[in-house]
Amino acid sequence: MDQFSKQIAVGKETRLLQFKRIKNADGVKFFITCGHLTKDAFSCSMKQNAYDAGWKLVPGSQRWLYEIEGALSDAILQTTLS
């Protein structure tokens, strides 16, 4: 699937994130965005881990995103495998 949305727990909240599959010279990535009325919007990118089937944040991502990296990877895997 090239685009999908998924609710992910971020701290004590659940936020709706949009995932968009992008293919370029570096391979396949997912660009993830989140807008929120009362919180700061954010975006990040993930690329497939060379060592397993999981997905990893692209270096340079905001530090707090690493706390939900597993949930982001799981969302991609669940959607692309179904």
N, C-alpha and C. Protein backbone atom coordinates (compact mmCIF):
# COMPACT_ATOMS: atom_id res chain seq x y z
N MET A 1 0.85 -1.17 0.00
CA MET A 1 0.00 0.00 0.00
C MET A 1 0.90 1.24 0.00
N ASP A 2 0.59 2.21 -0.86
CA ASP A 2 1.43 3.39 -0.97
C ASP A 2 1.15 4.44 0.10
N GLN A 3 -0.08 4.47 0.63
CA GLN A 3 -0.44 5.42 1.68
C GLN A 3 -1.40 4.76 2.66
N PHE A 4 -1.21 5.08 3.93
CA PHE A 4 -2.17 4.61 4.93
C PHE A 4 -2.05 5.48 6.17
N SER A 5 -3.03 5.40 7.04
CA SER A 5 -3.03 6.11 8.32
C SER A 5 -3.09 5.09 9.44
N LYS A 6 -2.50 5.44 10.56
CA LYS A 6 -2.49 4.52 11.71
C LYS A 6 -2.44 5.34 12.99
N GLN A 7 -3.20 4.92 13.99
CA GLN A 7 -3.12 5.56 15.30
C GLN A 7 -2.00 4.91 16.10
N ILE A 8 -1.14 5.75 16.66
CA ILE A 8 0.03 5.28 17.41
C ILE A 8 0.05 6.01 18.75
N ALA A 9 0.35 5.28 19.81
CA ALA A 9 0.50 5.89 21.13
C ALA A 9 1.80 6.68 21.17
N VAL A 10 1.68 7.96 21.52
CA VAL A 10 2.85 8.84 21.67
C VAL A 10 2.75 9.41 23.08
N GLY A 11 3.55 8.87 23.97
CA GLY A 11 3.44 9.26 25.37
C GLY A 11 2.10 8.80 25.92
N LYS A 12 1.35 9.73 26.48
CA LYS A 12 0.04 9.40 27.05
C LYS A 12 -1.10 9.65 26.07
N GLU A 13 -0.76 10.03 24.83
CA GLU A 13 -1.77 10.32 23.81
C GLU A 13 -1.73 9.29 22.70
N THR A 14 -2.80 9.25 21.94
CA THR A 14 -2.82 8.48 20.70
C THR A 14 -2.93 9.50 19.57
N ARG A 15 -2.02 9.41 18.61
CA ARG A 15 -2.00 10.37 17.50
C ARG A 15 -2.21 9.63 16.18
N LEU A 16 -2.87 10.28 15.25
CA LEU A 16 -3.10 9.72 13.92
C LEU A 16 -1.94 10.13 13.02
N LEU A 17 -1.22 9.15 12.52
CA LEU A 17 -0.07 9.39 11.66
C LEU A 17 -0.38 8.94 10.24
N GLN A 18 0.13 9.69 9.27
CA GLN A 18 -0.03 9.34 7.87
C GLN A 18 1.32 8.82 7.36
N PHE A 19 1.27 7.68 6.68
CA PHE A 19 2.45 7.03 6.12
C PHE A 19 2.35 7.07 4.60
N LYS A 20 3.44 7.47 3.95
CA LYS A 20 3.45 7.49 2.49
C LYS A 20 4.73 6.81 2.00
N ARG A 21 4.54 5.80 1.15
CA ARG A 21 5.67 5.04 0.59
C ARG A 21 6.27 5.83 -0.55
N ILE A 22 7.60 5.99 -0.51
CA ILE A 22 8.33 6.73 -1.53
C ILE A 22 9.49 5.88 -2.01
N LYS A 23 9.63 5.74 -3.32
CA LYS A 23 10.75 5.00 -3.89
C LYS A 23 11.65 5.98 -4.64
N ASN A 24 12.95 5.95 -4.32
CA ASN A 24 13.90 6.81 -5.01
C ASN A 24 15.21 6.06 -5.22
N ALA A 25 16.26 6.74 -5.60
CA ALA A 25 17.55 6.10 -5.89
C ALA A 25 18.12 5.36 -4.68
N ASP A 26 17.76 5.79 -3.48
CA ASP A 26 18.24 5.14 -2.26
C ASP A 26 17.41 3.93 -1.85
N GLY A 27 16.35 3.65 -2.58
CA GLY A 27 15.47 2.53 -2.25
C GLY A 27 14.11 3.02 -1.80
N VAL A 28 13.43 2.19 -1.03
CA VAL A 28 12.09 2.51 -0.56
C VAL A 28 12.16 3.11 0.84
N LYS A 29 11.41 4.18 1.04
CA LYS A 29 11.30 4.82 2.35
C LYS A 29 9.83 5.06 2.63
N PHE A 30 9.51 5.26 3.89
CA PHE A 30 8.20 5.74 4.28
C PHE A 30 8.37 7.11 4.91
N PHE A 31 7.61 8.08 4.41
CA PHE A 31 7.59 9.43 4.96
C PHE A 31 6.37 9.48 5.87
N ILE A 32 6.57 9.86 7.11
CA ILE A 32 5.52 9.83 8.12
C ILE A 32 5.26 11.26 8.61
N THR A 33 3.99 11.64 8.63
CA THR A 33 3.63 12.97 9.10
C THR A 33 2.52 12.87 10.13
N CYS A 34 2.46 13.90 10.97
CA CYS A 34 1.40 13.98 11.96
C CYS A 34 1.11 15.46 12.22
N GLY A 35 -0.12 15.83 12.04
CA GLY A 35 -0.56 17.17 12.39
C GLY A 35 -1.52 17.06 13.56
N HIS A 36 -1.54 18.04 14.42
CA HIS A 36 -2.40 17.98 15.59
C HIS A 36 -2.82 19.39 15.93
N LEU A 37 -4.07 19.58 16.32
CA LEU A 37 -4.57 20.92 16.60
C LEU A 37 -3.89 21.58 17.80
N THR A 38 -3.58 20.81 18.83
CA THR A 38 -3.04 21.41 20.04
C THR A 38 -1.57 21.08 20.28
N LYS A 39 -1.00 20.24 19.47
CA LYS A 39 0.40 19.84 19.65
C LYS A 39 1.18 20.17 18.38
N ASP A 40 2.50 20.16 18.49
CA ASP A 40 3.34 20.43 17.33
C ASP A 40 3.23 19.29 16.32
N ALA A 41 3.18 19.67 15.06
CA ALA A 41 3.21 18.68 13.99
C ALA A 41 4.64 18.17 13.87
N PHE A 42 4.79 16.97 13.32
CA PHE A 42 6.13 16.46 13.08
C PHE A 42 6.13 15.59 11.84
N SER A 43 7.32 15.32 11.36
CA SER A 43 7.49 14.39 10.24
C SER A 43 8.82 13.67 10.42
N CYS A 44 8.91 12.51 9.80
CA CYS A 44 10.14 11.73 9.84
C CYS A 44 10.12 10.74 8.68
N SER A 45 11.23 10.10 8.45
CA SER A 45 11.33 9.09 7.40
C SER A 45 11.90 7.82 8.00
N MET A 46 11.50 6.69 7.42
CA MET A 46 12.03 5.39 7.82
C MET A 46 12.46 4.63 6.58
N LYS A 47 13.53 3.87 6.72
CA LYS A 47 13.94 2.99 5.63
C LYS A 47 14.13 1.59 6.17
N GLN A 48 14.05 0.62 5.29
CA GLN A 48 14.11 -0.77 5.73
C GLN A 48 15.48 -1.08 6.29
N ASN A 49 15.48 -1.79 7.40
CA ASN A 49 16.70 -2.21 8.06
C ASN A 49 17.41 -3.25 7.20
N ALA A 50 18.68 -3.09 6.97
CA ALA A 50 19.45 -4.02 6.14
C ALA A 50 19.61 -5.39 6.80
N TYR A 51 19.39 -5.48 8.11
CA TYR A 51 19.67 -6.71 8.84
C TYR A 51 18.44 -7.59 9.09
N ASP A 52 17.26 -7.01 8.96
CA ASP A 52 16.04 -7.79 9.15
C ASP A 52 14.91 -7.13 8.38
N ALA A 53 13.70 -7.56 8.59
CA ALA A 53 12.56 -7.03 7.83
C ALA A 53 12.02 -5.73 8.42
N GLY A 54 12.54 -5.30 9.56
CA GLY A 54 12.03 -4.11 10.23
C GLY A 54 12.41 -2.82 9.53
N TRP A 55 11.90 -1.73 10.05
CA TRP A 55 12.15 -0.40 9.51
C TRP A 55 12.80 0.46 10.59
N LYS A 56 13.73 1.31 10.18
CA LYS A 56 14.49 2.15 11.11
C LYS A 56 14.33 3.62 10.72
N LEU A 57 14.35 4.49 11.73
CA LEU A 57 14.33 5.91 11.47
C LEU A 57 15.58 6.32 10.72
N VAL A 58 15.44 7.26 9.82
CA VAL A 58 16.58 7.80 9.09
C VAL A 58 17.39 8.63 10.08
N PRO A 59 18.72 8.48 10.08
CA PRO A 59 19.55 9.28 11.01
C PRO A 59 19.22 10.77 10.90
N GLY A 60 19.22 11.41 12.06
CA GLY A 60 18.89 12.83 12.12
C GLY A 60 17.47 13.08 12.60
N SER A 61 16.72 12.02 12.85
CA SER A 61 15.35 12.16 13.35
C SER A 61 15.38 12.71 14.77
N GLN A 62 14.29 13.34 15.18
CA GLN A 62 14.20 13.86 16.53
C GLN A 62 14.36 12.72 17.53
N ARG A 63 15.06 12.99 18.60
CA ARG A 63 15.39 11.94 19.58
C ARG A 63 14.17 11.23 20.14
N TRP A 64 13.11 11.96 20.44
CA TRP A 64 11.96 11.33 21.08
C TRP A 64 11.28 10.32 20.16
N LEU A 65 11.47 10.44 18.86
CA LEU A 65 10.87 9.49 17.92
C LEU A 65 11.42 8.07 18.10
N TYR A 66 12.65 7.97 18.60
CA TYR A 66 13.24 6.64 18.79
C TYR A 66 12.47 5.82 19.84
N GLU A 67 11.72 6.51 20.71
CA GLU A 67 10.90 5.81 21.70
C GLU A 67 9.74 5.07 21.04
N ILE A 68 9.28 5.54 19.88
CA ILE A 68 8.15 4.90 19.19
C ILE A 68 8.59 4.24 17.88
N GLU A 69 9.89 4.12 17.67
CA GLU A 69 10.40 3.52 16.43
C GLU A 69 9.83 2.12 16.19
N GLY A 70 9.75 1.31 17.21
CA GLY A 70 9.21 -0.04 17.07
C GLY A 70 7.75 -0.03 16.64
N ALA A 71 6.96 0.87 17.21
CA ALA A 71 5.54 0.98 16.85
C ALA A 71 5.39 1.46 15.41
N LEU A 72 6.25 2.37 14.98
CA LEU A 72 6.21 2.85 13.59
C LEU A 72 6.56 1.72 12.63
N SER A 73 7.60 0.97 12.97
CA SER A 73 8.03 -0.17 12.14
C SER A 73 6.92 -1.22 12.06
N ASP A 74 6.30 -1.53 13.21
CA ASP A 74 5.21 -2.50 13.24
C ASP A 74 4.03 -2.06 12.37
N ALA A 75 3.72 -0.77 12.39
CA ALA A 75 2.62 -0.24 11.58
C ALA A 75 2.90 -0.47 10.09
N ILE A 76 4.13 -0.24 9.68
CA ILE A 76 4.51 -0.44 8.28
C ILE A 76 4.42 -1.93 7.95
N LEU A 77 4.98 -2.77 8.79
CA LEU A 77 4.99 -4.21 8.53
C LEU A 77 3.57 -4.77 8.48
N GLN A 78 2.72 -4.39 9.41
CA GLN A 78 1.34 -4.89 9.44
C GLN A 78 0.56 -4.50 8.19
N THR A 79 0.79 -3.29 7.72
CA THR A 79 0.05 -2.79 6.56
C THR A 79 0.59 -3.36 5.25
N THR A 80 1.91 -3.48 5.14
CA THR A 80 2.48 -3.98 3.89
C THR A 80 2.34 -5.48 3.76
N LEU A 81 2.19 -6.20 4.85
CA LEU A 81 2.04 -7.66 4.79
C LEU A 81 0.60 -8.09 4.57
N SER A 82 -0.36 -7.19 4.83
CA SER A 82 -1.77 -7.58 4.71
C SER A 82 -2.33 -7.25 3.34
